[in-house]
Amino acid sequence: MPPEICPNCGAEVPRNARACPECGSDETTGWSDEAEAGHLGLPDDSFNYEEFGEREFGGERARPRGVSKFWWVVAVLVLLAFAWLMLSL
């Protein structure tokens, strides 16, 4: 059974084709189950995404960003001022 995409040139192969319509590859010249996606550079099952991320982006983990303590204090003070203003009316 031919692959959906030719492993040699990347062209689409019709379902019942005996060879690739673009480059002429067939079972005897180049497509097999092992070589079907070999040239595409896709990661295999043993690819370690954690190691890749650490290598690409550095070993330092990103620190979650949130509202700093200063802004929490400001929000509480504003709420207290608003409550005091409403009670004094």
Protein backbone atom coordinates (compact mmCIF):
# COMPACT_ATOMS: atom_id res chain seq x y z
CA MET A 1 0.00 0.00 0.00
CA PRO A 2 1.52 3.34 -1.00
CA PRO A 3 1.90 6.13 1.55
CA GLU A 4 -0.35 9.20 1.38
CA ILE A 5 2.68 11.44 0.87
CA CYS A 6 5.80 10.40 -1.04
CA PRO A 7 8.77 10.01 1.34
CA ASN A 8 11.18 11.12 -1.39
CA CYS A 9 9.62 14.29 -2.81
CA GLY A 10 6.67 15.06 -0.51
CA ALA A 11 4.02 14.94 -3.22
CA GLU A 12 0.57 13.53 -2.55
CA VAL A 13 0.22 9.96 -3.77
CA PRO A 14 -3.23 8.79 -4.93
CA ARG A 15 -4.73 5.87 -3.00
CA ASN A 16 -4.27 3.14 -5.61
CA ALA A 17 -1.10 4.49 -7.24
CA ARG A 18 1.78 2.12 -7.86
CA ALA A 19 4.32 4.94 -7.95
CA CYS A 20 4.59 8.60 -7.02
CA PRO A 21 3.19 10.78 -9.83
CA GLU A 22 5.91 13.40 -9.26
CA CYS A 23 9.21 11.53 -8.83
CA GLY A 24 8.34 7.94 -9.73
CA SER A 25 9.29 6.36 -6.39
CA ASP A 26 7.68 3.04 -5.58
CA GLU A 27 8.14 0.13 -3.19
CA THR A 28 11.27 -1.10 -4.93
CA THR A 29 12.94 2.31 -5.24
CA GLY A 30 12.09 4.02 -2.06
CA TRP A 31 9.00 3.89 0.03
CA SER A 32 8.68 1.41 2.80
CA ASP A 33 7.02 1.50 6.19
CA GLU A 34 10.33 2.42 7.84
CA ALA A 35 11.23 5.21 5.41
CA GLU A 36 7.75 6.64 5.06
CA ALA A 37 8.37 9.71 7.25
CA GLY A 38 12.09 9.37 7.84
CA HIS A 39 13.21 12.40 5.83
CA LEU A 40 10.63 14.75 7.31
CA GLY A 41 12.64 15.34 10.48
CA LEU A 42 9.71 14.58 12.76
CA PRO A 43 10.50 13.65 16.36
CA ASP A 44 10.18 9.98 17.16
CA ASP A 45 8.50 8.39 20.18
CA SER A 46 11.62 8.76 22.30
CA PHE A 47 11.71 12.55 21.86
CA ASN A 48 12.03 14.26 25.25
CA TYR A 49 10.04 17.50 25.18
CA GLU A 50 11.22 18.54 28.67
CA GLU A 51 14.86 18.27 27.63
CA PHE A 52 14.18 20.11 24.37
CA GLY A 53 12.43 22.98 26.18
CA GLU A 54 15.24 23.27 28.69
CA ARG A 55 17.85 23.25 25.93
CA GLU A 56 15.99 25.81 23.82
CA PHE A 57 14.76 28.19 26.48
CA GLY A 58 17.28 27.69 29.28
CA GLY A 59 17.03 25.77 32.51
CA GLU A 60 15.44 28.60 34.49
CA ARG A 61 11.74 28.07 35.07
CA ALA A 62 9.42 30.97 34.47
CA ARG A 63 8.11 32.53 37.65
CA PRO A 64 4.34 32.95 37.63
CA ARG A 65 3.35 36.55 37.41
CA GLY A 66 0.50 37.90 39.42
CA VAL A 67 -0.58 40.89 41.40
CA SER A 68 2.19 42.08 43.69
CA LYS A 69 1.61 42.60 47.41
CA PHE A 70 1.77 46.36 46.94
CA TRP A 71 -1.35 46.36 44.76
CA TRP A 72 -3.21 44.10 47.21
CA VAL A 73 -2.48 46.64 49.99
CA VAL A 74 -3.62 49.51 47.75
CA ALA A 75 -6.87 47.66 46.92
CA VAL A 76 -7.62 46.99 50.60
CA LEU A 77 -6.93 50.64 51.51
CA VAL A 78 -9.22 51.87 48.72
CA LEU A 79 -11.98 49.51 49.90
CA LEU A 80 -11.56 50.69 53.50
CA ALA A 81 -11.67 54.34 52.40
CA PHE A 82 -14.79 53.66 50.34
CA ALA A 83 -16.47 51.86 53.26
CA TRP A 84 -15.55 54.69 55.68
CA LEU A 85 -16.93 57.25 53.19
CA MET A 86 -20.21 55.33 52.83
CA LEU A 87 -20.63 54.93 56.60
CA SER A 88 -19.92 58.58 57.33
CA LEU A 89 -22.73 59.82 55.05
